[in-house]
Amino acid sequence: MANLPLHLPTNFRSFSIAASSNGVSFNTPKSGGPLILELPLDKIRRPLMRTRSNDPEKVKDLMESIREIGLQVPIDVLEVDGVYYGFSGCHRYEAHQRLGLPTIRCKIRRGTKETLRHHMR
């Protein structure tokens, strides 16, 4: 994967961001919508991981698909005060982990601590 320089607002935490694994370009929202970025897996917190289990067969199928054609649909991530929380895309996240991929394409929405509390309920 190629490393691309990325200039982010000062309230973003800094880390290296790689090019998309399937060649899909990143897009910058024009109207304050979600941002699509490739984030390191270890920068995404998964607060519901202990309460949910993934279907092993679905993870296996996703691993094969990601290996062949790359990730087609980014996972949804909520960014609160520079911390990233993943609440959906658990099977895709696990497939990336098991394939040993360091990053995953994410659709990032910004939220408040109240938004985070709502997702935790």
PDB file of N, CA and C in Angstrom:
ATOM      1  N   MET A   1       0.835  -1.178   0.000  1.00  0.00           N
ATOM      2  CA  MET A   1       0.000   0.000   0.000  1.00  0.00           C
ATOM      3  C   MET A   1       0.880   1.241   0.000  1.00  0.00           C
ATOM      4  N   ALA A   2       0.449   2.260  -0.698  1.00  0.00           N
ATOM      5  CA  ALA A   2       1.186   3.515  -0.731  1.00  0.00           C
ATOM      6  C   ALA A   2       0.761   4.402   0.427  1.00  0.00           C
ATOM      7  N   ASN A   3       1.714   5.100   1.009  1.00  0.00           N
ATOM      8  CA  ASN A   3       1.379   6.086   2.037  1.00  0.00           C
ATOM      9  C   ASN A   3       1.147   7.416   1.364  1.00  0.00           C
ATOM     10  N   LEU A   4       0.047   8.040   1.693  1.00  0.00           N
ATOM     11  CA  LEU A   4      -0.304   9.324   1.105  1.00  0.00           C
ATOM     12  C   LEU A   4      -0.275  10.401   2.175  1.00  0.00           C
ATOM     13  N   PRO A   5       0.283  11.571   1.865  1.00  0.00           N
ATOM     14  CA  PRO A   5       0.213  12.654   2.850  1.00  0.00           C
ATOM     15  C   PRO A   5      -1.221  13.151   2.945  1.00  0.00           C
ATOM     16  N   LEU A   6      -1.641  13.493   4.132  1.00  0.00           N
ATOM     17  CA  LEU A   6      -3.004  13.966   4.343  1.00  0.00           C
ATOM     18  C   LEU A   6      -2.961  15.106   5.331  1.00  0.00           C
ATOM     19  N   HIS A   7      -3.577  16.210   4.972  1.00  0.00           N
ATOM     20  CA  HIS A   7      -3.630  17.368   5.851  1.00  0.00           C
ATOM     21  C   HIS A   7      -5.006  17.404   6.492  1.00  0.00           C
ATOM     22  N   LEU A   8      -5.033  17.275   7.822  1.00  0.00           N
ATOM     23  CA  LEU A   8      -6.282  17.246   8.568  1.00  0.00           C
ATOM     24  C   LEU A   8      -6.381  18.458   9.475  1.00  0.00           C
ATOM     25  N   PRO A   9      -7.589  18.796   9.886  1.00  0.00           N
ATOM     26  CA  PRO A   9      -7.739  19.891  10.848  1.00  0.00           C
ATOM     27  C   PRO A   9      -6.948  19.599  12.116  1.00  0.00           C
ATOM     28  N   THR A  10      -6.602  20.648  12.851  1.00  0.00           N
ATOM     29  CA  THR A  10      -5.752  20.500  14.031  1.00  0.00           C
ATOM     30  C   THR A  10      -6.383  19.665  15.137  1.00  0.00           C
ATOM     31  N   ASN A  11      -7.707  19.485  15.141  1.00  0.00           N
ATOM     32  CA  ASN A  11      -8.328  18.695  16.199  1.00  0.00           C
ATOM     33  C   ASN A  11      -8.311  17.194  15.903  1.00  0.00           C
ATOM     34  N   PHE A  12      -7.716  16.766  14.783  1.00  0.00           N
ATOM     35  CA  PHE A  12      -7.557  15.350  14.490  1.00  0.00           C
ATOM     36  C   PHE A  12      -6.268  14.872  15.123  1.00  0.00           C
ATOM     37  N   ARG A  13      -6.266  13.634  15.611  1.00  0.00           N
ATOM     38  CA  ARG A  13      -5.042  13.038  16.127  1.00  0.00           C
ATOM     39  C   ARG A  13      -4.209  12.607  14.931  1.00  0.00           C
ATOM     40  N   SER A  14      -2.912  12.636  15.047  1.00  0.00           N
ATOM     41  CA  SER A  14      -2.068  12.322  13.901  1.00  0.00           C
ATOM     42  C   SER A  14      -1.639  10.855  13.916  1.00  0.00           C
ATOM     43  N   PHE A  15      -1.676  10.260  12.746  1.00  0.00           N
ATOM     44  CA  PHE A  15      -1.144   8.941  12.489  1.00  0.00           C
ATOM     45  C   PHE A  15      -1.083   8.773  10.986  1.00  0.00           C
ATOM     46  N   SER A  16      -0.380   7.765  10.537  1.00  0.00           N
ATOM     47  CA  SER A  16      -0.206   7.545   9.108  1.00  0.00           C
ATOM     48  C   SER A  16      -1.476   6.949   8.508  1.00  0.00           C
ATOM     49  N   ILE A  17      -1.871   7.447   7.350  1.00  0.00           N
ATOM     50  CA  ILE A  17      -3.053   6.952   6.663  1.00  0.00           C
ATOM     51  C   ILE A  17      -2.616   6.424   5.309  1.00  0.00           C
ATOM     52  N   ALA A  18      -3.047   5.211   4.979  1.00  0.00           N
ATOM     53  CA  ALA A  18      -2.613   4.562   3.747  1.00  0.00           C
ATOM     54  C   ALA A  18      -3.653   4.692   2.648  1.00  0.00           C
ATOM     55  N   ALA A  19      -3.231   4.408   1.438  1.00  0.00           N
ATOM     56  CA  ALA A  19      -4.157   4.408   0.309  1.00  0.00           C
ATOM     57  C   ALA A  19      -5.135   3.256   0.445  1.00  0.00           C
ATOM     58  N   SER A  20      -6.278   3.388  -0.151  1.00  0.00           N
ATOM     59  CA  SER A  20      -7.312   2.371  -0.101  1.00  0.00           C
ATOM     60  C   SER A  20      -6.814   1.063  -0.687  1.00  0.00           C
ATOM     61  N   SER A  21      -7.160  -0.048  -0.051  1.00  0.00           N
ATOM     62  CA  SER A  21      -6.687  -1.355  -0.484  1.00  0.00           C
ATOM     63  C   SER A  21      -7.325  -1.824  -1.772  1.00  0.00           C
ATOM     64  N   ASN A  22      -8.446  -1.217  -2.180  1.00  0.00           N
ATOM     65  CA  ASN A  22      -9.074  -1.679  -3.418  1.00  0.00           C
ATOM     66  C   ASN A  22      -9.080  -0.607  -4.502  1.00  0.00           C
ATOM     67  N   GLY A  23      -8.254   0.418  -4.336  1.00  0.00           N
ATOM     68  CA  GLY A  23      -8.111   1.412  -5.375  1.00  0.00           C
ATOM     69  C   GLY A  23      -9.202   2.467  -5.424  1.00  0.00           C
ATOM     70  N   VAL A  24     -10.182   2.401  -4.527  1.00  0.00           N
ATOM     71  CA  VAL A  24     -11.240   3.409  -4.498  1.00  0.00           C
ATOM     72  C   VAL A  24     -10.663   4.669  -3.880  1.00  0.00           C
ATOM     73  N   SER A  25     -10.860   5.795  -4.541  1.00  0.00           N
ATOM     74  CA  SER A  25     -10.289   7.028  -4.018  1.00  0.00           C
ATOM     75  C   SER A  25     -11.043   7.490  -2.781  1.00  0.00           C
ATOM     76  N   PHE A  26     -10.332   8.217  -1.931  1.00  0.00           N
ATOM     77  CA  PHE A  26     -10.957   8.797  -0.756  1.00  0.00           C
ATOM     78  C   PHE A  26     -11.742  10.015  -1.205  1.00  0.00           C
ATOM     79  N   ASN A  27     -12.816  10.313  -0.515  1.00  0.00           N
ATOM     80  CA  ASN A  27     -13.536  11.525  -0.879  1.00  0.00           C
ATOM     81  C   ASN A  27     -13.691  12.415   0.337  1.00  0.00           C
ATOM     82  N   THR A  28     -13.691  13.697   0.074  1.00  0.00           N
ATOM     83  CA  THR A  28     -13.869  14.683   1.124  1.00  0.00           C
ATOM     84  C   THR A  28     -15.281  15.212   1.019  1.00  0.00           C
ATOM     85  N   PRO A  29     -16.026  15.202   2.118  1.00  0.00           N
ATOM     86  CA  PRO A  29     -17.400  15.667   2.043  1.00  0.00           C
ATOM     87  C   PRO A  29     -17.474  17.142   1.688  1.00  0.00           C
ATOM     88  N   LYS A  30     -18.429  17.497   0.860  1.00  0.00           N
ATOM     89  CA  LYS A  30     -18.605  18.879   0.446  1.00  0.00           C
ATOM     90  C   LYS A  30     -19.526  19.631   1.389  1.00  0.00           C
ATOM     91  N   SER A  31     -20.363  18.925   2.129  1.00  0.00           N
ATOM     92  CA  SER A  31     -21.355  19.615   2.957  1.00  0.00           C
ATOM     93  C   SER A  31     -21.339  19.136   4.407  1.00  0.00           C
ATOM     94  N   GLY A  32     -20.166  18.837   4.931  1.00  0.00           N
ATOM     95  CA  GLY A  32     -20.083  18.425   6.325  1.00  0.00           C
ATOM     96  C   GLY A  32     -20.552  17.002   6.576  1.00  0.00           C
ATOM     97  N   GLY A  33     -20.700  16.207   5.542  1.00  0.00           N
ATOM     98  CA  GLY A  33     -21.124  14.816   5.684  1.00  0.00           C
ATOM     99  C   GLY A  33     -19.970  13.952   6.154  1.00  0.00           C
ATOM    100  N   PRO A  34     -20.144  12.634   6.067  1.00  0.00           N
ATOM    101  CA  PRO A  34     -19.089  11.735   6.541  1.00  0.00           C
ATOM    102  C   PRO A  34     -17.839  11.818   5.662  1.00  0.00           C
ATOM    103  N   LEU A  35     -16.716  11.529   6.272  1.00  0.00           N
ATOM    104  CA  LEU A  35     -15.426  11.511   5.610  1.00  0.00           C
ATOM    105  C   LEU A  35     -15.032  10.049   5.431  1.00  0.00           C
ATOM    106  N   ILE A  36     -14.517   9.689   4.259  1.00  0.00           N
ATOM    107  CA  ILE A  36     -14.065   8.318   4.019  1.00  0.00           C
ATOM    108  C   ILE A  36     -12.545   8.310   4.105  1.00  0.00           C
ATOM    109  N   LEU A  37     -12.018   7.537   5.063  1.00  0.00           N
ATOM    110  CA  LEU A  37     -10.574   7.412   5.261  1.00  0.00           C
ATOM    111  C   LEU A  37     -10.213   5.978   5.584  1.00  0.00           C
ATOM    112  N   GLU A  38      -8.971   5.640   5.346  1.00  0.00           N
ATOM    113  CA  GLU A  38      -8.408   4.345   5.738  1.00  0.00           C
ATOM    114  C   GLU A  38      -7.755   4.561   7.098  1.00  0.00           C
ATOM    115  N   LEU A  39      -8.288   3.914   8.129  1.00  0.00           N
ATOM    116  CA  LEU A  39      -7.759   4.077   9.491  1.00  0.00           C
ATOM    117  C   LEU A  39      -7.046   2.808   9.943  1.00  0.00           C
ATOM    118  N   PRO A  40      -6.004   2.958  10.772  1.00  0.00           N
ATOM    119  CA  PRO A  40      -5.386   1.776  11.376  1.00  0.00           C
ATOM    120  C   PRO A  40      -6.399   1.053  12.260  1.00  0.00           C
ATOM    121  N   LEU A  41      -6.430  -0.267  12.182  1.00  0.00           N
ATOM    122  CA  LEU A  41      -7.369  -1.051  12.996  1.00  0.00           C
ATOM    123  C   LEU A  41      -7.194  -0.760  14.480  1.00  0.00           C
ATOM    124  N   ASP A  42      -5.950  -0.573  14.900  1.00  0.00           N
ATOM    125  CA  ASP A  42      -5.716  -0.378  16.333  1.00  0.00           C
ATOM    126  C   ASP A  42      -6.125   1.004  16.839  1.00  0.00           C
ATOM    127  N   LYS A  43      -6.579   1.875  15.957  1.00  0.00           N
ATOM    128  CA  LYS A  43      -7.078   3.197  16.368  1.00  0.00           C
ATOM    129  C   LYS A  43      -8.598   3.204  16.542  1.00  0.00           C
ATOM    130  N   ILE A  44      -9.241   2.077  16.260  1.00  0.00           N
ATOM    131  CA  ILE A  44     -10.701   2.001  16.337  1.00  0.00           C
ATOM    132  C   ILE A  44     -11.091   1.207  17.577  1.00  0.00           C
ATOM    133  N   ARG A  45     -11.804   1.861  18.470  1.00  0.00           N
ATOM    134  CA  ARG A  45     -12.312   1.176  19.667  1.00  0.00           C
ATOM    135  C   ARG A  45     -13.624   0.498  19.314  1.00  0.00           C
ATOM    136  N   ARG A  46     -13.834  -0.672  19.879  1.00  0.00           N
ATOM    137  CA  ARG A  46     -15.053  -1.427  19.610  1.00  0.00           C
ATOM    138  C   ARG A  46     -15.751  -1.723  20.935  1.00  0.00           C
ATOM    139  N   PRO A  47     -16.512  -0.765  21.444  1.00  0.00           N
ATOM    140  CA  PRO A  47     -17.100  -0.905  22.778  1.00  0.00           C
ATOM    141  C   PRO A  47     -18.133  -2.017  22.915  1.00  0.00           C
ATOM    142  N   LEU A  48     -18.728  -2.475  21.830  1.00  0.00           N
ATOM    143  CA  LEU A  48     -19.753  -3.521  21.922  1.00  0.00           C
ATOM    144  C   LEU A  48     -19.188  -4.910  21.629  1.00  0.00           C
ATOM    145  N   MET A  49     -17.879  -5.016  21.462  1.00  0.00           N
ATOM    146  CA  MET A  49     -17.256  -6.286  21.084  1.00  0.00           C
ATOM    147  C   MET A  49     -17.585  -7.403  22.067  1.00  0.00           C
ATOM    148  N   ARG A  50     -17.660  -7.090  23.350  1.00  0.00           N
ATOM    149  CA  ARG A  50     -17.900  -8.130  24.360  1.00  0.00           C
ATOM    150  C   ARG A  50     -19.343  -8.632  24.354  1.00  0.00           C
ATOM    151  N   THR A  51     -20.267  -7.849  23.795  1.00  0.00           N
ATOM    152  CA  THR A  51     -21.681  -8.224  23.856  1.00  0.00           C
ATOM    153  C   THR A  51     -22.191  -8.856  22.566  1.00  0.00           C
ATOM    154  N   ARG A  52     -21.367  -8.862  21.537  1.00  0.00           N
ATOM    155  CA  ARG A  52     -21.791  -9.419  20.249  1.00  0.00           C
ATOM    156  C   ARG A  52     -20.784 -10.451  19.777  1.00  0.00           C
ATOM    157  N   SER A  53     -21.274 -11.461  19.071  1.00  0.00           N
ATOM    158  CA  SER A  53     -20.358 -12.422  18.472  1.00  0.00           C
ATOM    159  C   SER A  53     -20.590 -12.452  16.971  1.00  0.00           C
ATOM    160  N   ASN A  54     -19.527 -12.660  16.235  1.00  0.00           N
ATOM    161  CA  ASN A  54     -19.606 -12.695  14.780  1.00  0.00           C
ATOM    162  C   ASN A  54     -19.865 -14.106  14.282  1.00  0.00           C
ATOM    163  N   ASP A  55     -20.524 -14.195  13.148  1.00  0.00           N
ATOM    164  CA  ASP A  55     -20.763 -15.465  12.475  1.00  0.00           C
ATOM    165  C   ASP A  55     -19.466 -15.863  11.761  1.00  0.00           C
ATOM    166  N   PRO A  56     -18.811 -16.959  12.201  1.00  0.00           N
ATOM    167  CA  PRO A  56     -17.522 -17.357  11.619  1.00  0.00           C
ATOM    168  C   PRO A  56     -17.594 -17.600  10.106  1.00  0.00           C
ATOM    169  N   GLU A  57     -18.703 -18.115   9.628  1.00  0.00           N
ATOM    170  CA  GLU A  57     -18.843 -18.378   8.195  1.00  0.00           C
ATOM    171  C   GLU A  57     -18.895 -17.074   7.402  1.00  0.00           C
ATOM    172  N   LYS A  58     -19.587 -16.090   7.943  1.00  0.00           N
ATOM    173  CA  LYS A  58     -19.670 -14.779   7.290  1.00  0.00           C
ATOM    174  C   LYS A  58     -18.285 -14.115   7.258  1.00  0.00           C
ATOM    175  N   VAL A  59     -17.546 -14.238   8.350  1.00  0.00           N
ATOM    176  CA  VAL A  59     -16.193 -13.675   8.395  1.00  0.00           C
ATOM    177  C   VAL A  59     -15.319 -14.355   7.348  1.00  0.00           C
ATOM    178  N   LYS A  60     -15.416 -15.676   7.244  1.00  0.00           N
ATOM    179  CA  LYS A  60     -14.624 -16.433   6.264  1.00  0.00           C
ATOM    180  C   LYS A  60     -14.957 -15.985   4.841  1.00  0.00           C
ATOM    181  N   ASP A  61     -16.249 -15.837   4.542  1.00  0.00           N
ATOM    182  CA  ASP A  61     -16.671 -15.385   3.207  1.00  0.00           C
ATOM    183  C   ASP A  61     -16.148 -13.984   2.914  1.00  0.00           C
ATOM    184  N   LEU A  62     -16.220 -13.110   3.918  1.00  0.00           N
ATOM    185  CA  LEU A  62     -15.709 -11.747   3.738  1.00  0.00           C
ATOM    186  C   LEU A  62     -14.201 -11.747   3.518  1.00  0.00           C
ATOM    187  N   MET A  63     -13.491 -12.616   4.212  1.00  0.00           N
ATOM    188  CA  MET A  63     -12.041 -12.699   4.024  1.00  0.00           C
ATOM    189  C   MET A  63     -11.711 -13.057   2.581  1.00  0.00           C
ATOM    190  N   GLU A  64     -12.431 -14.012   2.032  1.00  0.00           N
ATOM    191  CA  GLU A  64     -12.200 -14.407   0.634  1.00  0.00           C
ATOM    192  C   GLU A  64     -12.496 -13.251  -0.309  1.00  0.00           C
ATOM    193  N   SER A  65     -13.611 -12.564  -0.075  1.00  0.00           N
ATOM    194  CA  SER A  65     -13.997 -11.440  -0.926  1.00  0.00           C
ATOM    195  C   SER A  65     -12.984 -10.293  -0.826  1.00  0.00           C
ATOM    196  N   ILE A  66     -12.581  -9.949   0.376  1.00  0.00           N
ATOM    197  CA  ILE A  66     -11.628  -8.856   0.570  1.00  0.00           C
ATOM    198  C   ILE A  66     -10.297  -9.206  -0.067  1.00  0.00           C
ATOM    199  N   ARG A  67      -9.886 -10.467   0.042  1.00  0.00           N
ATOM    200  CA  ARG A  67      -8.641 -10.921  -0.575  1.00  0.00           C
ATOM    201  C   ARG A  67      -8.706 -10.758  -2.098  1.00  0.00           C
ATOM    202  N   GLU A  68      -9.869 -11.057  -2.682  1.00  0.00           N
ATOM    203  CA  GLU A  68     -10.022 -11.018  -4.141  1.00  0.00           C
ATOM    204  C   GLU A  68     -10.267  -9.617  -4.688  1.00  0.00           C
ATOM    205  N   ILE A  69     -11.201  -8.881  -4.091  1.00  0.00           N
ATOM    206  CA  ILE A  69     -11.610  -7.597  -4.690  1.00  0.00           C
ATOM    207  C   ILE A  69     -11.503  -6.405  -3.743  1.00  0.00           C
ATOM    208  N   GLY A  70     -11.044  -6.626  -2.532  1.00  0.00           N
ATOM    209  CA  GLY A  70     -10.925  -5.531  -1.574  1.00  0.00           C
ATOM    210  C   GLY A  70     -12.248  -5.248  -0.879  1.00  0.00           C
ATOM    211  N   LEU A  71     -12.186  -4.401   0.101  1.00  0.00           N
ATOM    212  CA  LEU A  71     -13.381  -4.022   0.857  1.00  0.00           C
ATOM    213  C   LEU A  71     -14.249  -3.120  -0.007  1.00  0.00           C
ATOM    214  N   GLN A  72     -15.495  -3.475  -0.191  1.00  0.00           N
ATOM    215  CA  GLN A  72     -16.392  -2.715  -1.053  1.00  0.00           C
ATOM    216  C   GLN A  72     -17.204  -1.666  -0.300  1.00  0.00           C
ATOM    217  N   VAL A  73     -17.510  -1.925   0.970  1.00  0.00           N
ATOM    218  CA  VAL A  73     -18.327  -1.002   1.763  1.00  0.00           C
ATOM    219  C   VAL A  73     -17.556  -0.653   3.036  1.00  0.00           C
ATOM    220  N   PRO A  74     -17.259   0.630   3.246  1.00  0.00           N
ATOM    221  CA  PRO A  74     -16.516   1.002   4.453  1.00  0.00           C
ATOM    222  C   PRO A  74     -17.341   0.760   5.712  1.00  0.00           C
ATOM    223  N   ILE A  75     -16.643   0.551   6.828  1.00  0.00           N
ATOM    224  CA  ILE A  75     -17.349   0.417   8.098  1.00  0.00           C
ATOM    225  C   ILE A  75     -17.711   1.813   8.600  1.00  0.00           C
ATOM    226  N   ASP A  76     -18.723   1.896   9.441  1.00  0.00           N
ATOM    227  CA  ASP A  76     -19.132   3.171  10.030  1.00  0.00           C
ATOM    228  C   ASP A  76     -18.391   3.383  11.335  1.00  0.00           C
ATOM    229  N   VAL A  77     -17.807   4.567  11.479  1.00  0.00           N
ATOM    230  CA  VAL A  77     -17.041   4.910  12.672  1.00  0.00           C
ATOM    231  C   VAL A  77     -17.533   6.262  13.180  1.00  0.00           C
ATOM    232  N   LEU A  78     -17.673   6.359  14.478  1.00  0.00           N
ATOM    233  CA  LEU A  78     -18.043   7.611  15.130  1.00  0.00           C
ATOM    234  C   LEU A  78     -16.785   8.199  15.759  1.00  0.00           C
ATOM    235  N   GLU A  79     -16.470   9.447  15.420  1.00  0.00           N
ATOM    236  CA  GLU A  79     -15.307  10.122  15.993  1.00  0.00           C
ATOM    237  C   GLU A  79     -15.797  11.108  17.048  1.00  0.00           C
ATOM    238  N   VAL A  80     -15.345  10.911  18.275  1.00  0.00           N
ATOM    239  CA  VAL A  80     -15.703  11.794  19.387  1.00  0.00           C
ATOM    240  C   VAL A  80     -14.410  12.257  20.040  1.00  0.00           C
ATOM    241  N   ASP A  81     -14.167  13.537  19.989  1.00  0.00           N
ATOM    242  CA  ASP A  81     -12.971  14.127  20.611  1.00  0.00           C
ATOM    243  C   ASP A  81     -11.684  13.417  20.187  1.00  0.00           C
ATOM    244  N   GLY A  82     -11.560  13.100  18.899  1.00  0.00           N
ATOM    245  CA  GLY A  82     -10.342  12.488  18.373  1.00  0.00           C
ATOM    246  C   GLY A  82     -10.207  10.997  18.602  1.00  0.00           C
ATOM    247  N   VAL A  83     -11.230  10.355  19.169  1.00  0.00           N
ATOM    248  CA  VAL A  83     -11.217   8.907  19.401  1.00  0.00           C
ATOM    249  C   VAL A  83     -12.247   8.289  18.472  1.00  0.00           C
ATOM    250  N   TYR A  84     -11.881   7.174  17.837  1.00  0.00           N
ATOM    251  CA  TYR A  84     -12.748   6.518  16.860  1.00  0.00           C
ATOM    252  C   TYR A  84     -13.419   5.293  17.475  1.00  0.00           C
ATOM    253  N   TYR A  85     -14.750   5.213  17.314  1.00  0.00           N
ATOM    254  CA  TYR A  85     -15.544   4.112  17.858  1.00  0.00           C
ATOM    255  C   TYR A  85     -16.268   3.409  16.714  1.00  0.00           C
ATOM    256  N   GLY A  86     -16.101   2.093  16.626  1.00  0.00           N
ATOM    257  CA  GLY A  86     -16.781   1.310  15.604  1.00  0.00           C
ATOM    258  C   GLY A  86     -17.991   0.611  16.188  1.00  0.00           C
ATOM    259  N   PHE A  87     -19.153   0.871  15.601  1.00  0.00           N
ATOM    260  CA  PHE A  87     -20.389   0.249  16.072  1.00  0.00           C
ATOM    261  C   PHE A  87     -21.020  -0.642  15.014  1.00  0.00           C
ATOM    262  N   SER A  88     -20.541  -0.577  13.796  1.00  0.00           N
ATOM    263  CA  SER A  88     -21.055  -1.463  12.746  1.00  0.00           C
ATOM    264  C   SER A  88     -19.863  -1.968  11.943  1.00  0.00           C
ATOM    265  N   GLY A  89     -20.101  -2.968  11.118  1.00  0.00           N
ATOM    266  CA  GLY A  89     -19.012  -3.517  10.322  1.00  0.00           C
ATOM    267  C   GLY A  89     -18.142  -4.485  11.080  1.00  0.00           C
ATOM    268  N   CYS A  90     -18.712  -5.118  12.111  1.00  0.00           N
ATOM    269  CA  CYS A  90     -17.922  -6.022  12.954  1.00  0.00           C
ATOM    270  C   CYS A  90     -17.332  -7.196  12.166  1.00  0.00           C
ATOM    271  N   HIS A  91     -18.106  -7.762  11.246  1.00  0.00           N
ATOM    272  CA  HIS A  91     -17.604  -8.880  10.448  1.00  0.00           C
ATOM    273  C   HIS A  91     -16.482  -8.415   9.516  1.00  0.00           C
ATOM    274  N   ARG A  92     -16.647  -7.241   8.906  1.00  0.00           N
ATOM    275  CA  ARG A  92     -15.611  -6.701   8.021  1.00  0.00           C
ATOM    276  C   ARG A  92     -14.340  -6.379   8.812  1.00  0.00           C
ATOM    277  N   TYR A  93     -14.520  -5.826  10.012  1.00  0.00           N
ATOM    278  CA  TYR A  93     -13.383  -5.506  10.883  1.00  0.00           C
ATOM    279  C   TYR A  93     -12.618  -6.792  11.234  1.00  0.00           C
ATOM    280  N   GLU A  94     -13.345  -7.814  11.664  1.00  0.00           N
ATOM    281  CA  GLU A  94     -12.688  -9.077  12.032  1.00  0.00           C
ATOM    282  C   GLU A  94     -12.000  -9.718  10.834  1.00  0.00           C
ATOM    283  N   ALA A  95     -12.624  -9.645   9.662  1.00  0.00           N
ATOM    284  CA  ALA A  95     -11.998 -10.199   8.451  1.00  0.00           C
ATOM    285  C   ALA A  95     -10.664  -9.498   8.179  1.00  0.00           C
ATOM    286  N   HIS A  96     -10.630  -8.191   8.327  1.00  0.00           N
ATOM    287  CA  HIS A  96      -9.382  -7.458   8.131  1.00  0.00           C
ATOM    288  C   HIS A  96      -8.342  -7.888   9.163  1.00  0.00           C
ATOM    289  N   GLN A  97      -8.762  -8.043  10.416  1.00  0.00           N
ATOM    290  CA  GLN A  97      -7.841  -8.494  11.461  1.00  0.00           C
ATOM    291  C   GLN A  97      -7.257  -9.853  11.110  1.00  0.00           C
ATOM    292  N   ARG A  98      -8.123 -10.779  10.756  1.00  0.00           N
ATOM    293  CA  ARG A  98      -7.671 -12.144  10.481  1.00  0.00           C
ATOM    294  C   ARG A  98      -6.800 -12.230   9.234  1.00  0.00           C
ATOM    295  N   LEU A  99      -6.996 -11.309   8.280  1.00  0.00           N
ATOM    296  CA  LEU A  99      -6.148 -11.257   7.090  1.00  0.00           C
ATOM    297  C   LEU A  99      -4.813 -10.563   7.365  1.00  0.00           C
ATOM    298  N   GLY A 100      -4.700  -9.967   8.558  1.00  0.00           N
ATOM    299  CA  GLY A 100      -3.461  -9.279   8.908  1.00  0.00           C
ATOM    300  C   GLY A 100      -3.327  -7.909   8.254  1.00  0.00           C
ATOM    301  N   LEU A 101      -4.446  -7.335   7.828  1.00  0.00           N
ATOM    302  CA  LEU A 101      -4.405  -6.015   7.204  1.00  0.00           C
ATOM    303  C   LEU A 101      -4.316  -4.945   8.296  1.00  0.00           C
ATOM    304  N   PRO A 102      -3.442  -3.978   8.153  1.00  0.00           N
ATOM    305  CA  PRO A 102      -3.250  -2.989   9.219  1.00  0.00           C
ATOM    306  C   PRO A 102      -4.318  -1.895   9.257  1.00  0.00           C
ATOM    307  N   THR A 103      -5.022  -1.684   8.136  1.00  0.00           N
ATOM    308  CA  THR A 103      -5.991  -0.589   8.070  1.00  0.00           C
ATOM    309  C   THR A 103      -7.314  -1.078   7.484  1.00  0.00           C
ATOM    310  N   ILE A 104      -8.346  -0.242   7.652  1.00  0.00           N
ATOM    311  CA  ILE A 104      -9.658  -0.539   7.082  1.00  0.00           C
ATOM    312  C   ILE A 104     -10.298   0.780   6.649  1.00  0.00           C
ATOM    313  N   ARG A 105     -11.006   0.734   5.536  1.00  0.00           N
ATOM    314  CA  ARG A 105     -11.689   1.933   5.036  1.00  0.00           C
ATOM    315  C   ARG A 105     -12.909   2.201   5.901  1.00  0.00           C
ATOM    316  N   CYS A 106     -13.044   3.467   6.336  1.00  0.00           N
ATOM    317  CA  CYS A 106     -14.094   3.849   7.280  1.00  0.00           C
ATOM    318  C   CYS A 106     -14.866   5.062   6.776  1.00  0.00           C
ATOM    319  N   LYS A 107     -16.154   5.050   7.054  1.00  0.00           N
ATOM    320  CA  LYS A 107     -16.990   6.232   6.863  1.00  0.00           C
ATOM    321  C   LYS A 107     -17.080   6.870   8.247  1.00  0.00           C
ATOM    322  N   ILE A 108     -16.457   8.038   8.388  1.00  0.00           N
ATOM    323  CA  ILE A 108     -16.325   8.663   9.699  1.00  0.00           C
ATOM    324  C   ILE A 108     -17.332   9.792   9.851  1.00  0.00           C
ATOM    325  N   ARG A 109     -18.099   9.696  10.911  1.00  0.00           N
ATOM    326  CA  ARG A 109     -19.017  10.765  11.282  1.00  0.00           C
ATOM    327  C   ARG A 109     -18.541  11.329  12.615  1.00  0.00           C
ATOM    328  N   ARG A 110     -18.655  12.617  12.770  1.00  0.00           N
ATOM    329  CA  ARG A 110     -18.311  13.237  14.043  1.00  0.00           C
ATOM    330  C   ARG A 110     -19.518  13.234  14.951  1.00  0.00           C
ATOM    331  N   GLY A 111     -19.269  13.073  16.233  1.00  0.00           N
ATOM    332  CA  GLY A 111     -20.352  13.082  17.202  1.00  0.00           C
ATOM    333  C   GLY A 111     -19.902  13.671  18.517  1.00  0.00           C
ATOM    334  N   THR A 112     -20.843  13.833  19.392  1.00  0.00           N
ATOM    335  CA  THR A 112     -20.568  14.347  20.734  1.00  0.00           C
ATOM    336  C   THR A 112     -20.529  13.186  21.723  1.00  0.00           C
ATOM    337  N   LYS A 113     -20.177  13.478  22.950  1.00  0.00           N
ATOM    338  CA  LYS A 113     -20.195  12.442  23.985  1.00  0.00           C
ATOM    339  C   LYS A 113     -21.614  11.933  24.205  1.00  0.00           C
ATOM    340  N   GLU A 114     -22.590  12.804  24.019  1.00  0.00           N
ATOM    341  CA  GLU A 114     -23.988  12.380  24.146  1.00  0.00           C
ATOM    342  C   GLU A 114     -24.353  11.392  23.034  1.00  0.00           C
ATOM    343  N   THR A 115     -23.879  11.637  21.832  1.00  0.00           N
ATOM    344  CA  THR A 115     -24.092  10.692  20.727  1.00  0.00           C
ATOM    345  C   THR A 115     -23.488   9.349  21.060  1.00  0.00           C
ATOM    346  N   LEU A 116     -22.279   9.367  21.613  1.00  0.00           N
ATOM    347  CA  LEU A 116     -21.597   8.133  22.008  1.00  0.00           C
ATOM    348  C   LEU A 116     -22.402   7.392  23.062  1.00  0.00           C
ATOM    349  N   ARG A 117     -22.899   8.099  24.070  1.00  0.00           N
ATOM    350  CA  ARG A 117     -23.715   7.466  25.115  1.00  0.00           C
ATOM    351  C   ARG A 117     -24.968   6.827  24.505  1.00  0.00           C
ATOM    352  N   HIS A 118     -25.565   7.498  23.531  1.00  0.00           N
ATOM    353  CA  HIS A 118     -26.745   6.950  22.859  1.00  0.00           C
ATOM    354  C   HIS A 118     -26.418   5.618  22.171  1.00  0.00           C
ATOM    355  N   HIS A 119     -25.277   5.550  21.497  1.00  0.00           N
ATOM    356  CA  HIS A 119     -24.868   4.318  20.815  1.00  0.00           C
ATOM    357  C   HIS A 119     -24.540   3.203  21.795  1.00  0.00           C
ATOM    358  N   MET A 120     -24.113   3.574  23.012  1.00  0.00           N
ATOM    359  CA  MET A 120     -23.742   2.574  24.003  1.00  0.00           C
ATOM    360  C   MET A 120     -24.939   1.930  24.675  1.00  0.00           C
ATOM    361  N   ARG A 121     -26.113   2.554  24.564  1.00  0.00           N
ATOM    362  CA  ARG A 121     -27.311   2.002  25.215  1.00  0.00           C
ATOM    363  C   ARG A 121     -27.749   0.732  24.584  1.00  0.00           C
TER     364      ARG A 121
END
